[in-house]
Amino acid sequence: MTPESPVTFDRNARSRWPGMGGHVAPEYAEGSANVTTVGLDGGYLRLCHPDEEKSFEVVAGRAMRAGVGQRSLAFVRTVDEHSHERVRGVLASFGGQDLPMEVFTDGDIQLRQWQLSTLPRARHILDWYHLRQRVGKLNAVVHGRPTASQLRSADHDWLSSLAGGLKWRLWHDRAQEAMRRLATMLYVLGKSTVCRKPAARQIRKLILELLGYLRNNSDSLPNYGRRYRAGRRISSAFVESAVNQLIDKRMSKSQQMRWDPRSAHLLLQVRVRVIDGQLRDDFTRWYPGFPSNDSTLWSAA
């Protein structure tokens, strides 16, 4: 590839992004570092091979540090053999490994295991939004009209009072109390007058899921209320925007595209550099005569 005029580049870039992704990808494997805040989330793309699974996972994330800026990252775990080095390389611009780091995820077990192997000294924090959603879903069923109509008033009132205090306790770092309440709710649902009701079976399923979620993330539940009052982050909303920019906006939601995992991985490397404003710098470094026209690179990626 040689330097081209903006017009020629714009015409040919779409057919060359796999090669650009291959050039960009190795640069992430250099160095290791720490940042203040890292967010990781997963997204799914449709697989182009009809005889195999319908979709595959893409990991996307964003690293941020006050006074330094932010960097994005994305990769297909089943393709990228250097995902650990890639993340450490992205974080290298934020400082040394002795700096404190907080990693936000939605509590997904695979993401958590990957985080522990890649950034073992980082503090993991469970995203409050996803935790609140699970508690809210349970509350909606417990307080719903079908449950009230199927259960005796005494049993329904007992369940409602137990479920009503869950979010407050989780917000104020009283997860053990919340789990004891959930265990008591299971006791109520086990009563002979309750256990055979359809609503009871649905509530029991939600409680068991929430208990497993809390136990799997028991070391990742901070005092959300204290953090919120101190102006500290409690949500991974900044990661959702990264997922939308990297995956959903161009590769999933608005276009019914199907992808080969490796091709998607290479394109993601280009999109990361575009979003971080570094793709033109890459081309300038590779080709000193490359024209300084950012708009062509943005439109191409």
C-alpha atoms as a PDB file:
ATOM      1  CA  MET A   1       0.000   0.000   0.000  1.00  0.00           C
ATOM      2  CA  THR A   2       1.302   3.443  -0.863  1.00  0.00           C
ATOM      3  CA  PRO A   3       0.124   6.938   0.076  1.00  0.00           C
ATOM      4  CA  GLU A   4      -2.870   7.953  -2.002  1.00  0.00           C
ATOM      5  CA  SER A   5      -4.896  11.068  -2.510  1.00  0.00           C
ATOM      6  CA  PRO A   6      -7.978  11.457  -0.269  1.00  0.00           C
ATOM      7  CA  VAL A   7     -10.296  10.608  -3.158  1.00  0.00           C
ATOM      8  CA  THR A   8      -8.451   7.414  -4.066  1.00  0.00           C
ATOM      9  CA  PHE A   9      -8.165   6.353  -0.436  1.00  0.00           C
ATOM     10  CA  ASP A  10     -11.870   6.839   0.183  1.00  0.00           C
ATOM     11  CA  ARG A  11     -12.667   4.646  -2.828  1.00  0.00           C
ATOM     12  CA  ASN A  12     -10.370   1.771  -1.858  1.00  0.00           C
ATOM     13  CA  ALA A  13     -10.328   1.799   1.946  1.00  0.00           C
ATOM     14  CA  ARG A  14     -13.339  -0.475   2.397  1.00  0.00           C
ATOM     15  CA  SER A  15     -11.606  -3.296   0.562  1.00  0.00           C
ATOM     16  CA  ARG A  16      -8.412  -2.817   2.580  1.00  0.00           C
ATOM     17  CA  TRP A  17      -9.606  -2.640   6.199  1.00  0.00           C
ATOM     18  CA  PRO A  18      -8.643  -6.283   6.974  1.00  0.00           C
ATOM     19  CA  GLY A  19      -5.053  -5.418   6.119  1.00  0.00           C
ATOM     20  CA  MET A  20      -5.208  -2.244   8.205  1.00  0.00           C
ATOM     21  CA  GLY A  21      -6.577  -4.272  11.135  1.00  0.00           C
ATOM     22  CA  GLY A  22      -3.633  -6.616  10.849  1.00  0.00           C
ATOM     23  CA  HIS A  23      -1.214  -3.681  10.920  1.00  0.00           C
ATOM     24  CA  VAL A  24      -2.885  -2.068  13.912  1.00  0.00           C
ATOM     25  CA  ALA A  25      -3.461  -5.191  16.029  1.00  0.00           C
ATOM     26  CA  PRO A  26       0.163  -6.031  16.972  1.00  0.00           C
ATOM     27  CA  GLU A  27       0.742  -2.548  18.359  1.00  0.00           C
ATOM     28  CA  TYR A  28      -1.600  -3.311  21.276  1.00  0.00           C
ATOM     29  CA  ALA A  29       0.552  -6.172  22.499  1.00  0.00           C
ATOM     30  CA  GLU A  30       3.352  -3.926  23.747  1.00  0.00           C
ATOM     31  CA  GLY A  31       3.683  -2.852  27.356  1.00  0.00           C
ATOM     32  CA  SER A  32       1.422  -3.089  30.372  1.00  0.00           C
ATOM     33  CA  ALA A  33      -0.103  -0.528  32.662  1.00  0.00           C
ATOM     34  CA  ASN A  34      -2.909   0.512  34.955  1.00  0.00           C
ATOM     35  CA  VAL A  35      -5.726   3.035  34.817  1.00  0.00           C
ATOM     36  CA  THR A  36      -8.261   4.497  37.186  1.00  0.00           C
ATOM     37  CA  THR A  37     -11.410   3.119  35.543  1.00  0.00           C
ATOM     38  CA  VAL A  38     -11.878   0.290  33.059  1.00  0.00           C
ATOM     39  CA  GLY A  39     -15.204  -0.969  31.759  1.00  0.00           C
ATOM     40  CA  LEU A  40     -15.792  -4.231  29.900  1.00  0.00           C
ATOM     41  CA  ASP A  41     -18.931  -5.499  28.226  1.00  0.00           C
ATOM     42  CA  GLY A  42     -19.923  -8.086  25.664  1.00  0.00           C
ATOM     43  CA  GLY A  43     -21.846  -7.811  22.425  1.00  0.00           C
ATOM     44  CA  TYR A  44     -22.892 -10.320  19.786  1.00  0.00           C
ATOM     45  CA  LEU A  45     -22.583 -10.387  16.006  1.00  0.00           C
ATOM     46  CA  ARG A  46     -24.315 -12.708  13.572  1.00  0.00           C
ATOM     47  CA  LEU A  47     -22.116 -15.462  12.239  1.00  0.00           C
ATOM     48  CA  CYS A  48     -21.817 -15.743   8.458  1.00  0.00           C
ATOM     49  CA  HIS A  49     -21.553 -19.549   8.435  1.00  0.00           C
ATOM     50  CA  PRO A  50     -25.099 -21.000   8.339  1.00  0.00           C
ATOM     51  CA  ASP A  51     -24.115 -24.453   9.593  1.00  0.00           C
ATOM     52  CA  GLU A  52     -22.549 -23.200  12.827  1.00  0.00           C
ATOM     53  CA  GLU A  53     -23.729 -21.209  15.850  1.00  0.00           C
ATOM     54  CA  LYS A  54     -25.873 -18.193  15.034  1.00  0.00           C
ATOM     55  CA  SER A  55     -23.705 -15.587  16.767  1.00  0.00           C
ATOM     56  CA  PHE A  56     -20.346 -15.011  18.435  1.00  0.00           C
ATOM     57  CA  GLU A  57     -19.248 -12.712  21.234  1.00  0.00           C
ATOM     58  CA  VAL A  58     -17.248  -9.527  20.941  1.00  0.00           C
ATOM     59  CA  VAL A  59     -15.685  -7.919  24.010  1.00  0.00           C
ATOM     60  CA  ALA A  60     -15.652  -4.130  24.003  1.00  0.00           C
ATOM     61  CA  GLY A  61     -14.439  -1.720  26.625  1.00  0.00           C
ATOM     62  CA  ARG A  62     -13.176   1.691  27.536  1.00  0.00           C
ATOM     63  CA  ALA A  63     -10.388   2.861  29.843  1.00  0.00           C
ATOM     64  CA  MET A  64     -10.543   6.291  31.469  1.00  0.00           C
ATOM     65  CA  ARG A  65      -8.407   8.359  33.783  1.00  0.00           C
ATOM     66  CA  ALA A  66      -8.996  11.911  34.927  1.00  0.00           C
ATOM     67  CA  GLY A  67      -6.557  14.336  33.371  1.00  0.00           C
ATOM     68  CA  VAL A  68      -5.283  11.776  30.859  1.00  0.00           C
ATOM     69  CA  GLY A  69      -8.221  10.876  28.632  1.00  0.00           C
ATOM     70  CA  GLN A  70      -9.779   7.654  27.458  1.00  0.00           C
ATOM     71  CA  ARG A  71      -8.981   4.736  25.171  1.00  0.00           C
ATOM     72  CA  SER A  72     -11.208   2.103  23.616  1.00  0.00           C
ATOM     73  CA  LEU A  73     -10.645  -1.582  22.999  1.00  0.00           C
ATOM     74  CA  ALA A  74     -12.487  -4.413  21.273  1.00  0.00           C
ATOM     75  CA  PHE A  75     -11.679  -7.956  20.234  1.00  0.00           C
ATOM     76  CA  VAL A  76     -13.167 -11.359  19.446  1.00  0.00           C
ATOM     77  CA  ARG A  77     -11.974 -13.615  22.243  1.00  0.00           C
ATOM     78  CA  THR A  78     -12.063 -16.817  20.174  1.00  0.00           C
ATOM     79  CA  VAL A  79      -9.790 -15.237  17.562  1.00  0.00           C
ATOM     80  CA  ASP A  80      -7.466 -12.954  19.489  1.00  0.00           C
ATOM     81  CA  GLU A  81      -4.602 -14.948  21.011  1.00  0.00           C
ATOM     82  CA  HIS A  82      -3.117 -11.805  22.535  1.00  0.00           C
ATOM     83  CA  SER A  83      -6.156 -10.274  24.240  1.00  0.00           C
ATOM     84  CA  HIS A  84      -4.341  -9.993  27.581  1.00  0.00           C
ATOM     85  CA  GLU A  85      -1.382  -8.169  26.031  1.00  0.00           C
ATOM     86  CA  ARG A  86      -3.755  -6.058  23.951  1.00  0.00           C
ATOM     87  CA  VAL A  87      -5.540  -4.708  27.007  1.00  0.00           C
ATOM     88  CA  ARG A  88      -2.319  -4.085  28.893  1.00  0.00           C
ATOM     89  CA  GLY A  89      -0.979  -2.264  25.855  1.00  0.00           C
ATOM     90  CA  VAL A  90      -4.066  -0.052  25.676  1.00  0.00           C
ATOM     91  CA  LEU A  91      -3.646   0.791  29.346  1.00  0.00           C
ATOM     92  CA  ALA A  92       0.051   1.601  29.003  1.00  0.00           C
ATOM     93  CA  SER A  93      -0.669   5.242  28.208  1.00  0.00           C
ATOM     94  CA  PHE A  94      -2.354   5.724  31.602  1.00  0.00           C
ATOM     95  CA  GLY A  95       0.571   5.005  33.914  1.00  0.00           C
ATOM     96  CA  GLY A  96       2.312   2.220  35.812  1.00  0.00           C
ATOM     97  CA  GLN A  97       0.946  -0.974  37.327  1.00  0.00           C
ATOM     98  CA  ASP A  98       1.081   0.398  40.873  1.00  0.00           C
ATOM     99  CA  LEU A  99      -1.741   2.852  40.176  1.00  0.00           C
ATOM    100  CA  PRO A 100      -5.173   1.915  41.607  1.00  0.00           C
ATOM    101  CA  MET A 101      -7.641   0.475  39.131  1.00  0.00           C
ATOM    102  CA  GLU A 102     -11.358  -0.270  39.172  1.00  0.00           C
ATOM    103  CA  VAL A 103     -12.921  -2.591  36.597  1.00  0.00           C
ATOM    104  CA  PHE A 104     -16.673  -2.425  35.943  1.00  0.00           C
ATOM    105  CA  THR A 105     -18.618  -5.290  34.344  1.00  0.00           C
ATOM    106  CA  ASP A 106     -22.190  -6.551  34.400  1.00  0.00           C
ATOM    107  CA  GLY A 107     -21.134  -9.599  36.428  1.00  0.00           C
ATOM    108  CA  ASP A 108     -20.836 -12.013  33.506  1.00  0.00           C
ATOM    109  CA  ILE A 109     -18.814 -15.007  34.721  1.00  0.00           C
ATOM    110  CA  GLN A 110     -16.650 -15.307  31.608  1.00  0.00           C
ATOM    111  CA  LEU A 111     -15.832 -11.587  31.610  1.00  0.00           C
ATOM    112  CA  ARG A 112     -14.992 -11.768  35.290  1.00  0.00           C
ATOM    113  CA  GLN A 113     -12.662 -14.717  34.816  1.00  0.00           C
ATOM    114  CA  TRP A 114     -10.972 -12.958  31.926  1.00  0.00           C
ATOM    115  CA  GLN A 115     -10.555  -9.812  34.031  1.00  0.00           C
ATOM    116  CA  LEU A 116      -9.008 -11.791  36.897  1.00  0.00           C
ATOM    117  CA  SER A 117      -6.446 -13.381  34.592  1.00  0.00           C
ATOM    118  CA  THR A 118      -5.625 -10.129  32.765  1.00  0.00           C
ATOM    119  CA  LEU A 119      -5.809  -7.512  35.549  1.00  0.00           C
ATOM    120  CA  PRO A 120      -5.616  -9.557  38.756  1.00  0.00           C
ATOM    121  CA  ARG A 121      -4.765  -6.608  41.012  1.00  0.00           C
ATOM    122  CA  ALA A 122      -7.667  -4.469  39.861  1.00  0.00           C
ATOM    123  CA  ARG A 123     -10.731  -4.036  42.027  1.00  0.00           C
ATOM    124  CA  HIS A 124     -13.827  -5.397  40.323  1.00  0.00           C
ATOM    125  CA  ILE A 125     -17.110  -3.500  40.844  1.00  0.00           C
ATOM    126  CA  LEU A 126     -20.466  -4.870  39.816  1.00  0.00           C
ATOM    127  CA  ASP A 127     -22.450  -2.420  37.730  1.00  0.00           C
ATOM    128  CA  TRP A 128     -25.311  -0.995  39.797  1.00  0.00           C
ATOM    129  CA  TYR A 129     -27.653  -0.704  36.817  1.00  0.00           C
ATOM    130  CA  HIS A 130     -27.596  -4.440  36.059  1.00  0.00           C
ATOM    131  CA  LEU A 131     -27.974  -5.307  39.746  1.00  0.00           C
ATOM    132  CA  ARG A 132     -30.904  -2.912  40.110  1.00  0.00           C
ATOM    133  CA  GLN A 133     -32.557  -4.388  37.011  1.00  0.00           C
ATOM    134  CA  ARG A 134     -32.511  -7.878  38.501  1.00  0.00           C
ATOM    135  CA  VAL A 135     -33.936  -6.698  41.810  1.00  0.00           C
ATOM    136  CA  GLY A 136     -36.552  -4.615  40.010  1.00  0.00           C
ATOM    137  CA  LYS A 137     -37.685  -7.604  37.946  1.00  0.00           C
ATOM    138  CA  LEU A 138     -38.172  -9.658  41.108  1.00  0.00           C
ATOM    139  CA  ASN A 139     -40.078  -6.844  42.801  1.00  0.00           C
ATOM    140  CA  ALA A 140     -42.343  -6.415  39.793  1.00  0.00           C
ATOM    141  CA  VAL A 141     -43.408 -10.052  39.931  1.00  0.00           C
ATOM    142  CA  VAL A 142     -43.809 -10.146  43.718  1.00  0.00           C
ATOM    143  CA  HIS A 143     -45.924  -6.976  43.778  1.00  0.00           C
ATOM    144  CA  GLY A 144     -47.809  -7.820  40.592  1.00  0.00           C
ATOM    145  CA  ARG A 145     -51.533  -8.474  40.402  1.00  0.00           C
ATOM    146  CA  PRO A 146     -51.223 -12.187  39.383  1.00  0.00           C
ATOM    147  CA  THR A 147     -49.169 -12.928  42.494  1.00  0.00           C
ATOM    148  CA  ALA A 148     -51.591 -11.061  44.731  1.00  0.00           C
ATOM    149  CA  SER A 149     -54.536 -12.972  43.276  1.00  0.00           C
ATOM    150  CA  GLN A 150     -52.902 -16.405  43.589  1.00  0.00           C
ATOM    151  CA  LEU A 151     -51.467 -16.183  47.123  1.00  0.00           C
ATOM    152  CA  ARG A 152     -53.120 -15.718  50.461  1.00  0.00           C
ATOM    153  CA  SER A 153     -52.925 -12.169  51.762  1.00  0.00           C
ATOM    154  CA  ALA A 154     -50.638 -13.096  54.647  1.00  0.00           C
ATOM    155  CA  ASP A 155     -48.134 -14.891  52.404  1.00  0.00           C
ATOM    156  CA  HIS A 156     -48.200 -12.158  49.788  1.00  0.00           C
ATOM    157  CA  ASP A 157     -47.700  -9.424  52.381  1.00  0.00           C
ATOM    158  CA  TRP A 158     -44.757 -11.338  53.857  1.00  0.00           C
ATOM    159  CA  LEU A 159     -43.101 -11.742  50.460  1.00  0.00           C
ATOM    160  CA  SER A 160     -43.764  -8.106  49.561  1.00  0.00           C
ATOM    161  CA  SER A 161     -42.189  -6.812  52.772  1.00  0.00           C
ATOM    162  CA  LEU A 162     -39.093  -8.983  52.255  1.00  0.00           C
ATOM    163  CA  ALA A 163     -38.654  -7.998  48.603  1.00  0.00           C
ATOM    164  CA  GLY A 164     -39.283  -4.312  49.271  1.00  0.00           C
ATOM    165  CA  GLY A 165     -36.078  -3.841  51.280  1.00  0.00           C
ATOM    166  CA  LEU A 166     -33.678  -5.617  48.916  1.00  0.00           C
ATOM    167  CA  LYS A 167     -32.570  -2.643  46.834  1.00  0.00           C
ATOM    168  CA  TRP A 168     -32.017  -0.430  49.889  1.00  0.00           C
ATOM    169  CA  ARG A 169     -29.764  -3.042  51.499  1.00  0.00           C
ATOM    170  CA  LEU A 170     -27.740  -3.626  48.356  1.00  0.00           C
ATOM    171  CA  TRP A 171     -27.341   0.135  47.898  1.00  0.00           C
ATOM    172  CA  HIS A 172     -26.001   0.485  51.457  1.00  0.00           C
ATOM    173  CA  ASP A 173     -23.509  -2.417  51.401  1.00  0.00           C
ATOM    174  CA  ARG A 174     -25.724  -4.876  53.260  1.00  0.00           C
ATOM    175  CA  ALA A 175     -25.621  -7.703  50.752  1.00  0.00           C
ATOM    176  CA  GLN A 176     -25.605 -10.394  53.435  1.00  0.00           C
ATOM    177  CA  GLU A 177     -28.864  -9.042  54.841  1.00  0.00           C
ATOM    178  CA  ALA A 178     -30.330  -8.999  51.334  1.00  0.00           C
ATOM    179  CA  MET A 179     -29.345 -12.624  50.784  1.00  0.00           C
ATOM    180  CA  ARG A 180     -30.895 -13.626  54.121  1.00  0.00           C
ATOM    181  CA  ARG A 181     -34.120 -11.976  53.010  1.00  0.00           C
ATOM    182  CA  LEU A 182     -33.996 -13.922  49.760  1.00  0.00           C
ATOM    183  CA  ALA A 183     -33.484 -17.143  51.719  1.00  0.00           C
ATOM    184  CA  THR A 184     -36.518 -16.290  53.863  1.00  0.00           C
ATOM    185  CA  MET A 185     -38.537 -15.694  50.702  1.00  0.00           C
ATOM    186  CA  LEU A 186     -37.601 -19.182  49.527  1.00  0.00           C
ATOM    187  CA  TYR A 187     -38.894 -20.525  52.859  1.00  0.00           C
ATOM    188  CA  VAL A 188     -42.228 -18.754  52.332  1.00  0.00           C
ATOM    189  CA  LEU A 189     -42.459 -20.101  48.789  1.00  0.00           C
ATOM    190  CA  GLY A 190     -41.892 -23.609  50.098  1.00  0.00           C
ATOM    191  CA  LYS A 191     -45.048 -23.595  52.201  1.00  0.00           C
ATOM    192  CA  SER A 192     -47.733 -26.029  51.066  1.00  0.00           C
ATOM    193  CA  THR A 193     -50.201 -23.190  50.521  1.00  0.00           C
ATOM    194  CA  VAL A 194     -47.796 -21.387  48.194  1.00  0.00           C
ATOM    195  CA  CYS A 195     -45.419 -23.756  46.400  1.00  0.00           C
ATOM    196  CA  ARG A 196     -47.843 -25.048  43.738  1.00  0.00           C
ATOM    197  CA  LYS A 197     -48.912 -21.614  42.499  1.00  0.00           C
ATOM    198  CA  PRO A 198     -47.548 -20.523  39.078  1.00  0.00           C
ATOM    199  CA  ALA A 199     -46.489 -17.156  40.490  1.00  0.00           C
ATOM    200  CA  ALA A 200     -44.572 -18.908  43.256  1.00  0.00           C
ATOM    201  CA  ARG A 201     -42.589 -20.950  40.743  1.00  0.00           C
ATOM    202  CA  GLN A 202     -41.711 -17.807  38.785  1.00  0.00           C
ATOM    203  CA  ILE A 203     -40.631 -15.936  41.917  1.00  0.00           C
ATOM    204  CA  ARG A 204     -38.552 -18.889  43.085  1.00  0.00           C
ATOM    205  CA  LYS A 205     -36.723 -18.975  39.753  1.00  0.00           C
ATOM    206  CA  LEU A 206     -35.933 -15.242  39.952  1.00  0.00           C
ATOM    207  CA  ILE A 207     -34.743 -15.534  43.557  1.00  0.00           C
ATOM    208  CA  LEU A 208     -32.377 -18.403  42.764  1.00  0.00           C
ATOM    209  CA  GLU A 209     -30.950 -16.464  39.828  1.00  0.00           C
ATOM    210  CA  LEU A 210     -30.438 -13.362  41.965  1.00  0.00           C
ATOM    211  CA  LEU A 211     -28.846 -15.366  44.785  1.00  0.00           C
ATOM    212  CA  GLY A 212     -26.396 -16.946  42.355  1.00  0.00           C
ATOM    213  CA  TYR A 213     -25.628 -13.544  40.866  1.00  0.00           C
ATOM    214  CA  LEU A 214     -24.899 -12.050  44.293  1.00  0.00           C
ATOM    215  CA  ARG A 215     -22.781 -14.991  45.421  1.00  0.00           C
ATOM    216  CA  ASN A 216     -20.711 -14.968  42.248  1.00  0.00           C
ATOM    217  CA  ASN A 217     -20.041 -11.243  42.728  1.00  0.00           C
ATOM    218  CA  SER A 218     -19.960 -11.090  46.531  1.00  0.00           C
ATOM    219  CA  ASP A 219     -16.513  -9.437  46.505  1.00  0.00           C
ATOM    220  CA  SER A 220     -17.629  -6.815  43.966  1.00  0.00           C
ATOM    221  CA  LEU A 221     -20.439  -5.120  45.885  1.00  0.00           C
ATOM    222  CA  PRO A 222     -19.251  -1.772  47.274  1.00  0.00           C
ATOM    223  CA  ASN A 223     -21.244   0.729  49.272  1.00  0.00           C
ATOM    224  CA  TYR A 224     -22.992   2.207  46.247  1.00  0.00           C
ATOM    225  CA  GLY A 225     -24.664   4.940  48.283  1.00  0.00           C
ATOM    226  CA  ARG A 226     -21.389   6.168  49.718  1.00  0.00           C
ATOM    227  CA  ARG A 227     -19.712   6.114  46.303  1.00  0.00           C
ATOM    228  CA  TYR A 228     -22.628   8.001  44.758  1.00  0.00           C
ATOM    229  CA  ARG A 229     -22.571  10.701  47.434  1.00  0.00           C
ATOM    230  CA  ALA A 230     -18.820  11.066  46.954  1.00  0.00           C
ATOM    231  CA  GLY A 231     -19.292  11.568  43.211  1.00  0.00           C
ATOM    232  CA  ARG A 232     -17.629   8.275  42.322  1.00  0.00           C
ATOM    233  CA  ARG A 233     -18.713   5.970  39.534  1.00  0.00           C
ATOM    234  CA  ILE A 234     -21.252   3.214  40.261  1.00  0.00           C
ATOM    235  CA  SER A 235     -22.356   2.309  36.734  1.00  0.00           C
ATOM    236  CA  SER A 236     -20.787   0.995  33.549  1.00  0.00           C
ATOM    237  CA  ALA A 237     -22.862   3.310  31.346  1.00  0.00           C
ATOM    238  CA  PHE A 238     -19.648   4.612  29.762  1.00  0.00           C
ATOM    239  CA  VAL A 239     -19.000   1.069  28.512  1.00  0.00           C
ATOM    240  CA  GLU A 240     -22.453   0.847  26.921  1.00  0.00           C
ATOM    241  CA  SER A 241     -21.573   3.864  24.791  1.00  0.00           C
ATOM    242  CA  ALA A 242     -18.365   2.127  23.715  1.00  0.00           C
ATOM    243  CA  VAL A 243     -20.328  -0.972  22.694  1.00  0.00           C
ATOM    244  CA  ASN A 244     -22.746   1.182  20.694  1.00  0.00           C
ATOM    245  CA  GLN A 245     -19.914   2.999  18.946  1.00  0.00           C
ATOM    246  CA  LEU A 246     -17.788  -0.049  18.230  1.00  0.00           C
ATOM    247  CA  ILE A 247     -20.352  -2.756  17.535  1.00  0.00           C
ATOM    248  CA  ASP A 248     -24.026  -1.864  17.421  1.00  0.00           C
ATOM    249  CA  LYS A 249     -23.973   1.350  15.412  1.00  0.00           C
ATOM    250  CA  ARG A 250     -22.274  -0.052  12.325  1.00  0.00           C
ATOM    251  CA  MET A 251     -22.014  -3.845  12.719  1.00  0.00           C
ATOM    252  CA  SER A 252     -25.186  -5.101  14.369  1.00  0.00           C
ATOM    253  CA  LYS A 253     -28.291  -3.017  15.075  1.00  0.00           C
ATOM    254  CA  SER A 254     -28.806  -0.904  11.982  1.00  0.00           C
ATOM    255  CA  GLN A 255     -27.511  -3.389   9.416  1.00  0.00           C
ATOM    256  CA  GLN A 256     -28.417  -7.054   9.048  1.00  0.00           C
ATOM    257  CA  MET A 257     -24.820  -8.108   8.463  1.00  0.00           C
ATOM    258  CA  ARG A 258     -23.220 -11.486   9.096  1.00  0.00           C
ATOM    259  CA  TRP A 259     -19.562 -11.728  10.001  1.00  0.00           C
ATOM    260  CA  ASP A 260     -16.610 -14.037   9.993  1.00  0.00           C
ATOM    261  CA  PRO A 261     -15.015 -13.781  13.487  1.00  0.00           C
ATOM    262  CA  ARG A 262     -11.536 -12.949  12.236  1.00  0.00           C
ATOM    263  CA  SER A 263     -12.766 -10.333   9.762  1.00  0.00           C
ATOM    264  CA  ALA A 264     -14.900  -8.737  12.493  1.00  0.00           C
ATOM    265  CA  HIS A 265     -11.918  -8.725  14.845  1.00  0.00           C
ATOM    266  CA  LEU A 266      -9.708  -6.931  12.320  1.00  0.00           C
ATOM    267  CA  LEU A 267     -12.369  -4.363  11.488  1.00  0.00           C
ATOM    268  CA  LEU A 268     -12.834  -3.685  15.199  1.00  0.00           C
ATOM    269  CA  GLN A 269      -9.137  -2.800  15.485  1.00  0.00           C
ATOM    270  CA  VAL A 270      -9.625  -0.140  12.818  1.00  0.00           C
ATOM    271  CA  ARG A 271     -12.791   1.197  14.470  1.00  0.00           C
ATOM    272  CA  VAL A 272     -10.990   1.453  17.818  1.00  0.00           C
ATOM    273  CA  ARG A 273      -8.275   3.602  16.254  1.00  0.00           C
ATOM    274  CA  VAL A 274     -10.874   5.788  14.512  1.00  0.00           C
ATOM    275  CA  ILE A 275     -12.900   6.363  17.679  1.00  0.00           C
ATOM    276  CA  ASP A 276      -9.749   7.164  19.641  1.00  0.00           C
ATOM    277  CA  GLY A 277      -8.627   9.563  16.892  1.00  0.00           C
ATOM    278  CA  GLN A 278      -5.424   7.636  16.176  1.00  0.00           C
ATOM    279  CA  LEU A 279      -5.892   6.128  12.725  1.00  0.00           C
ATOM    280  CA  ARG A 280      -4.512   9.117  10.831  1.00  0.00           C
ATOM    281  CA  ASP A 281      -1.487   9.101  13.132  1.00  0.00           C
ATOM    282  CA  ASP A 282      -0.942   5.433  12.239  1.00  0.00           C
ATOM    283  CA  PHE A 283      -0.989   6.221   8.516  1.00  0.00           C
ATOM    284  CA  THR A 284       1.250   9.250   8.973  1.00  0.00           C
ATOM    285  CA  ARG A 285       3.741   7.049  10.810  1.00  0.00           C
ATOM    286  CA  TRP A 286       3.590   4.326   8.165  1.00  0.00           C
ATOM    287  CA  TYR A 287       3.561   6.732   5.212  1.00  0.00           C
ATOM    288  CA  PRO A 288       5.111  10.177   5.889  1.00  0.00           C
ATOM    289  CA  GLY A 289       3.462  11.606   2.763  1.00  0.00           C
ATOM    290  CA  PHE A 290      -0.040  10.592   3.756  1.00  0.00           C
ATOM    291  CA  PRO A 291      -2.514  13.528   3.411  1.00  0.00           C
ATOM    292  CA  SER A 292      -3.929  15.000   6.602  1.00  0.00           C
ATOM    293  CA  ASN A 293      -7.624  14.465   5.876  1.00  0.00           C
ATOM    294  CA  ASP A 294      -9.463  13.043   8.874  1.00  0.00           C
ATOM    295  CA  SER A 295     -12.915  13.016   7.256  1.00  0.00           C
ATOM    296  CA  THR A 296     -11.960  10.328   4.731  1.00  0.00           C
ATOM    297  CA  LEU A 297     -10.768   8.007   7.495  1.00  0.00           C
ATOM    298  CA  TRP A 298     -13.889   8.504   9.582  1.00  0.00           C
ATOM    299  CA  SER A 299     -16.188   7.776   6.658  1.00  0.00           C
ATOM    300  CA  ALA A 300     -14.188   4.733   5.604  1.00  0.00           C
ATOM    301  CA  ALA A 301     -14.329   3.078   9.032  1.00  0.00           C
END
